[in-house]
Protein backbone atom coordinates (compact mmCIF):
# COMPACT_ATOMS: atom_id res chain seq x y z
CA UNK A 1 160.17 31.08 19.49
CA UNK A 2 160.46 29.28 22.83
CA UNK A 3 163.65 31.09 23.81
CA UNK A 4 162.14 34.46 22.94
CA UNK A 5 158.99 33.72 24.96
CA UNK A 6 161.01 32.71 28.00
CA UNK A 7 163.16 35.85 27.72
CA UNK A 8 160.11 38.13 27.37
CA UNK A 9 158.51 36.50 30.41
CA UNK A 10 161.67 37.16 32.43
CA UNK A 11 162.28 33.55 33.43
CA UNK A 12 165.66 31.86 33.84
CA UNK A 13 166.49 29.78 30.73
CA UNK A 14 168.12 27.02 32.81
CA UNK A 15 164.97 26.18 34.79
CA UNK A 16 163.09 23.00 33.99
CA UNK A 17 159.33 22.98 33.48
CA UNK A 18 158.69 21.23 36.80
CA UNK A 19 160.64 23.88 38.69
CA UNK A 20 158.46 26.78 37.53
CA UNK A 21 156.19 28.50 40.02
CA UNK A 22 152.57 29.26 39.24
CA UNK A 23 153.41 32.93 38.68
CA UNK A 24 156.08 32.02 36.11
CA UNK A 25 153.69 29.69 34.32
CA UNK A 26 151.10 32.47 34.24
CA UNK A 27 153.70 34.82 32.70
CA UNK A 28 154.49 32.25 30.00
CA UNK A 29 150.81 31.79 29.21
CA UNK A 30 150.32 35.56 29.01
CA UNK A 31 153.20 35.92 26.53
CA UNK A 32 151.91 33.05 24.37
CA UNK A 33 148.34 34.34 24.31
CA UNK A 34 149.35 37.92 23.44
CA UNK A 35 152.77 37.96 21.77
CA UNK A 36 152.14 41.37 20.19
CA UNK A 37 151.82 42.91 23.64
CA UNK A 38 155.32 41.71 24.48
CA UNK A 39 156.93 42.97 21.24
CA UNK A 40 157.59 39.58 19.66
CA UNK A 41 158.21 39.92 15.90
CA UNK A 42 155.44 38.77 13.56
CA UNK A 43 157.64 36.21 11.83
CA UNK A 44 157.55 34.09 15.00
CA UNK A 45 153.74 33.68 14.93
CA UNK A 46 152.29 30.41 13.66
CA UNK A 47 149.47 32.14 11.73
CA UNK A 48 150.73 35.03 9.62
CA UNK A 49 148.25 37.15 7.67
CA UNK A 50 145.14 35.12 8.41
CA UNK A 51 142.95 34.72 5.37
CA UNK A 52 139.76 35.86 7.11
CA UNK A 53 140.98 38.73 9.28
CA UNK A 54 144.22 39.73 7.55
CA UNK A 55 146.01 39.89 10.90
CA UNK A 56 148.99 37.95 12.15
CA UNK A 57 148.32 35.94 15.30
CA UNK A 58 149.76 33.12 17.33
CA UNK A 59 147.27 30.30 17.87
CA UNK A 60 147.42 28.08 20.93
CA UNK A 61 146.04 24.59 21.74
CA UNK A 62 142.92 23.50 19.85
CA UNK A 63 142.76 26.72 17.80
CA UNK A 64 145.71 25.42 15.75
CA UNK A 65 143.82 22.24 14.84
CA UNK A 66 140.66 24.19 14.04
CA UNK A 67 142.50 26.61 11.75
CA UNK A 68 144.26 23.77 9.92
CA UNK A 69 140.98 21.88 9.47
CA UNK A 70 139.27 25.02 8.13
CA UNK A 71 142.13 25.67 5.69
CA UNK A 72 142.03 22.12 4.35
CA UNK A 73 138.24 22.19 4.00
CA UNK A 74 138.49 25.46 2.07
CA UNK A 75 141.07 23.93 -0.28
CA UNK A 76 138.87 20.89 -0.83
CA UNK A 77 135.74 22.97 -1.35
CA UNK A 78 137.47 25.16 -3.96
CA UNK A 79 138.80 22.04 -5.73
CA UNK A 80 142.39 23.28 -5.51
CA UNK A 81 145.03 20.73 -6.53
CA UNK A 82 146.49 20.69 -3.02
CA UNK A 83 143.04 20.17 -1.52
CA UNK A 84 142.31 17.27 -3.85
CA UNK A 85 145.60 15.62 -2.93
CA UNK A 86 144.66 15.96 0.75
CA UNK A 87 141.25 14.47 0.01
CA UNK A 88 142.78 11.49 -1.80
CA UNK A 89 145.38 11.08 1.00
CA UNK A 90 148.27 11.45 -1.42
CA UNK A 91 151.52 13.33 -0.96
CA UNK A 92 150.89 17.05 -1.31
CA UNK A 93 154.29 18.71 -1.56
CA UNK A 94 155.84 16.96 -4.54
CA UNK A 95 157.42 13.94 -2.87
CA UNK A 96 158.19 10.91 -5.00
CA UNK A 97 155.60 8.16 -4.83
CA UNK A 98 157.25 5.07 -6.32
CA UNK A 99 159.21 3.74 -3.38
CA UNK A 100 158.22 6.07 -0.52
CA UNK A 101 154.47 5.71 -0.10
CA UNK A 102 154.09 2.00 0.54
CA UNK A 103 152.78 2.46 4.09
CA UNK A 104 150.46 5.38 3.41
CA UNK A 105 146.75 4.55 3.59
């Protein structure tokens, strides 16, 4: 995703972050805030087919944390197996527990 964003913003790929001008940073921010306006494919977004709106979007900064928190709360509220595992602070995705979870609290 990063390479596509830099290409759509028209910035040289070999530049470092400290070498960017304020205009180039503004272009990057514009592409990240509205990737659909710059013809980025939907499979690059970090929130595809949102449950509430049904749209695909790319969330930035604290919106990512808020969306994740809302998703986990919904799973817990509906008493879904995955939500219960999150609530109990256990492994969610089928990892083995015998020798791998000694440091998990």
